[in-house]
Amino acid sequence: MKTTLMVCSGDPEVVWNAFRMGNLMLEQMDDVTMFLNGPAVRYASLASEQFPLVELAKVFTLSEGVLLA
């Protein structure tokens, strides 16, 4: 299945859940593209100990997910 996730929020929890969902879908061998728009583009600056966004983004791209911003 081919899926596109569009994230437009600057809320770290929303971005974190989007990356988690994308990684889960990649584990199921789906083709996933994630488009970050608006405040979500700054996901690295939203990262914290509670929401490790940079690590999730790295796993996403290394798992052949497509990340667009």
N, C-alpha and C. Protein backbone atom coordinates (compact mmCIF):
# COMPACT_ATOMS: atom_id res chain seq x y z
N MET A 1 0.84 -1.17 0.00
CA MET A 1 0.00 0.00 0.00
C MET A 1 0.89 1.24 0.00
N LYS A 2 0.50 2.24 -0.76
CA LYS A 2 1.22 3.51 -0.79
C LYS A 2 0.41 4.52 0.04
N THR A 3 1.11 5.18 0.96
CA THR A 3 0.45 6.12 1.87
C THR A 3 1.24 7.40 1.96
N THR A 4 0.53 8.51 2.05
CA THR A 4 1.15 9.80 2.30
C THR A 4 0.59 10.36 3.59
N LEU A 5 1.48 10.75 4.49
CA LEU A 5 1.08 11.40 5.74
C LEU A 5 1.43 12.87 5.63
N MET A 6 0.48 13.75 5.91
CA MET A 6 0.73 15.18 5.87
C MET A 6 0.64 15.70 7.30
N VAL A 7 1.72 16.35 7.75
CA VAL A 7 1.79 16.86 9.11
C VAL A 7 1.94 18.37 9.05
N CYS A 8 1.01 19.08 9.67
CA CYS A 8 1.01 20.55 9.62
C CYS A 8 1.06 21.18 11.00
N SER A 9 1.30 20.40 12.01
CA SER A 9 1.23 20.89 13.39
C SER A 9 2.62 21.16 13.96
N GLY A 10 2.68 22.13 14.85
CA GLY A 10 3.92 22.41 15.57
C GLY A 10 3.92 21.77 16.95
N ASP A 11 2.91 20.96 17.24
CA ASP A 11 2.83 20.26 18.52
C ASP A 11 3.76 19.04 18.45
N PRO A 12 4.76 18.96 19.32
CA PRO A 12 5.72 17.85 19.26
C PRO A 12 5.05 16.48 19.36
N GLU A 13 4.00 16.37 20.14
CA GLU A 13 3.33 15.07 20.28
C GLU A 13 2.66 14.62 18.98
N VAL A 14 2.09 15.56 18.24
CA VAL A 14 1.46 15.24 16.95
C VAL A 14 2.52 14.76 15.96
N VAL A 15 3.63 15.47 15.88
CA VAL A 15 4.71 15.10 14.96
C VAL A 15 5.30 13.75 15.37
N TRP A 16 5.48 13.54 16.66
CA TRP A 16 6.01 12.28 17.19
C TRP A 16 5.10 11.11 16.79
N ASN A 17 3.79 11.28 16.95
CA ASN A 17 2.85 10.22 16.58
C ASN A 17 2.85 9.96 15.08
N ALA A 18 3.02 11.00 14.28
CA ALA A 18 3.08 10.82 12.82
C ALA A 18 4.31 9.99 12.43
N PHE A 19 5.47 10.30 13.04
CA PHE A 19 6.67 9.51 12.75
C PHE A 19 6.51 8.07 13.24
N ARG A 20 5.92 7.89 14.40
CA ARG A 20 5.70 6.54 14.92
C ARG A 20 4.80 5.74 13.99
N MET A 21 3.72 6.37 13.50
CA MET A 21 2.81 5.71 12.58
C MET A 21 3.51 5.37 11.27
N GLY A 22 4.29 6.32 10.75
CA GLY A 22 5.03 6.07 9.52
C GLY A 22 6.01 4.93 9.67
N ASN A 23 6.73 4.87 10.79
CA ASN A 23 7.67 3.77 11.03
C ASN A 23 6.96 2.44 11.15
N LEU A 24 5.80 2.42 11.80
CA LEU A 24 5.03 1.18 11.92
C LEU A 24 4.58 0.70 10.55
N MET A 25 4.14 1.62 9.72
CA MET A 25 3.70 1.25 8.37
C MET A 25 4.87 0.74 7.53
N LEU A 26 6.05 1.33 7.71
CA LEU A 26 7.23 0.85 6.98
C LEU A 26 7.60 -0.57 7.43
N GLU A 27 7.42 -0.87 8.72
CA GLU A 27 7.68 -2.22 9.21
C GLU A 27 6.75 -3.23 8.56
N GLN A 28 5.56 -2.79 8.17
CA GLN A 28 4.58 -3.66 7.51
C GLN A 28 4.79 -3.71 5.99
N MET A 29 5.93 -3.17 5.54
CA MET A 29 6.33 -3.18 4.14
C MET A 29 5.47 -2.29 3.24
N ASP A 30 4.88 -1.25 3.80
CA ASP A 30 4.15 -0.28 3.00
C ASP A 30 5.10 0.79 2.49
N ASP A 31 4.72 1.47 1.42
CA ASP A 31 5.47 2.62 0.91
C ASP A 31 4.88 3.86 1.56
N VAL A 32 5.71 4.60 2.30
CA VAL A 32 5.22 5.75 3.05
C VAL A 32 5.99 7.00 2.67
N THR A 33 5.25 8.06 2.37
CA THR A 33 5.81 9.38 2.16
C THR A 33 5.22 10.29 3.23
N MET A 34 6.07 11.06 3.89
CA MET A 34 5.62 12.00 4.90
C MET A 34 5.95 13.41 4.43
N PHE A 35 4.91 14.25 4.36
CA PHE A 35 5.08 15.64 3.95
C PHE A 35 4.91 16.52 5.17
N LEU A 36 5.97 17.24 5.53
CA LEU A 36 5.93 18.17 6.65
C LEU A 36 5.64 19.57 6.11
N ASN A 37 4.65 20.23 6.70
CA ASN A 37 4.23 21.53 6.24
C ASN A 37 4.10 22.47 7.43
N GLY A 38 4.31 23.75 7.20
CA GLY A 38 4.15 24.74 8.27
C GLY A 38 5.12 24.51 9.42
N PRO A 39 4.62 24.59 10.65
CA PRO A 39 5.49 24.45 11.82
C PRO A 39 6.15 23.07 11.94
N ALA A 40 5.58 22.05 11.32
CA ALA A 40 6.15 20.70 11.41
C ALA A 40 7.52 20.61 10.75
N VAL A 41 7.82 21.54 9.85
CA VAL A 41 9.13 21.54 9.18
C VAL A 41 10.26 21.68 10.20
N ARG A 42 9.98 22.34 11.31
CA ARG A 42 10.99 22.56 12.36
C ARG A 42 11.00 21.41 13.37
N TYR A 43 10.76 20.20 12.92
CA TYR A 43 10.64 19.06 13.84
C TYR A 43 11.89 18.88 14.71
N ALA A 44 13.06 19.19 14.18
CA ALA A 44 14.29 19.01 14.96
C ALA A 44 14.33 19.94 16.17
N SER A 45 13.81 21.15 16.01
CA SER A 45 13.80 22.08 17.14
C SER A 45 12.69 21.77 18.13
N LEU A 46 11.73 20.94 17.73
CA LEU A 46 10.64 20.53 18.63
C LEU A 46 11.01 19.32 19.47
N ALA A 47 12.12 18.68 19.12
CA ALA A 47 12.53 17.44 19.79
C ALA A 47 12.88 17.69 21.25
N SER A 48 12.62 16.68 22.07
CA SER A 48 12.96 16.72 23.49
C SER A 48 13.22 15.28 23.94
N GLU A 49 13.54 15.13 25.21
CA GLU A 49 13.75 13.78 25.74
C GLU A 49 12.46 12.96 25.66
N GLN A 50 11.34 13.62 25.88
CA GLN A 50 10.04 12.94 25.83
C GLN A 50 9.63 12.60 24.40
N PHE A 51 9.99 13.47 23.45
CA PHE A 51 9.64 13.29 22.04
C PHE A 51 10.91 13.31 21.19
N PRO A 52 11.59 12.16 21.05
CA PRO A 52 12.86 12.10 20.29
C PRO A 52 12.61 12.11 18.78
N LEU A 53 12.23 13.26 18.26
CA LEU A 53 11.83 13.38 16.86
C LEU A 53 12.97 13.14 15.89
N VAL A 54 14.17 13.59 16.21
CA VAL A 54 15.30 13.42 15.30
C VAL A 54 15.61 11.94 15.12
N GLU A 55 15.57 11.17 16.20
CA GLU A 55 15.83 9.74 16.11
C GLU A 55 14.76 9.03 15.30
N LEU A 56 13.49 9.40 15.51
CA LEU A 56 12.40 8.78 14.74
C LEU A 56 12.50 9.13 13.26
N ALA A 57 12.89 10.37 12.95
CA ALA A 57 13.04 10.78 11.56
C ALA A 57 14.18 10.01 10.90
N LYS A 58 15.25 9.77 11.65
CA LYS A 58 16.38 9.01 11.12
C LYS A 58 15.96 7.58 10.81
N VAL A 59 15.23 6.95 11.72
CA VAL A 59 14.74 5.59 11.49
C VAL A 59 13.82 5.58 10.28
N PHE A 60 12.96 6.58 10.15
CA PHE A 60 12.02 6.67 9.04
C PHE A 60 12.75 6.71 7.70
N THR A 61 13.75 7.59 7.60
CA THR A 61 14.46 7.72 6.32
C THR A 61 15.36 6.52 6.03
N LEU A 62 15.97 5.95 7.06
CA LEU A 62 16.81 4.76 6.85
C LEU A 62 15.98 3.52 6.49
N SER A 63 14.70 3.56 6.81
CA SER A 63 13.79 2.45 6.48
C SER A 63 13.14 2.66 5.12
N GLU A 64 13.68 3.57 4.34
CA GLU A 64 13.23 3.89 2.99
C GLU A 64 11.92 4.66 2.95
N GLY A 65 11.61 5.36 4.03
CA GLY A 65 10.48 6.28 4.00
C GLY A 65 10.94 7.55 3.31
N VAL A 66 10.01 8.23 2.64
CA VAL A 66 10.33 9.46 1.92
C VAL A 66 9.86 10.63 2.78
N LEU A 67 10.78 11.51 3.11
CA LEU A 67 10.48 12.68 3.95
C LEU A 67 10.59 13.93 3.10
N LEU A 68 9.48 14.66 2.98
CA LEU A 68 9.44 15.89 2.19
C LEU A 68 9.08 17.05 3.10
N ALA A 69 9.71 18.18 2.89
CA ALA A 69 9.38 19.37 3.68
C ALA A 69 9.38 20.59 2.79
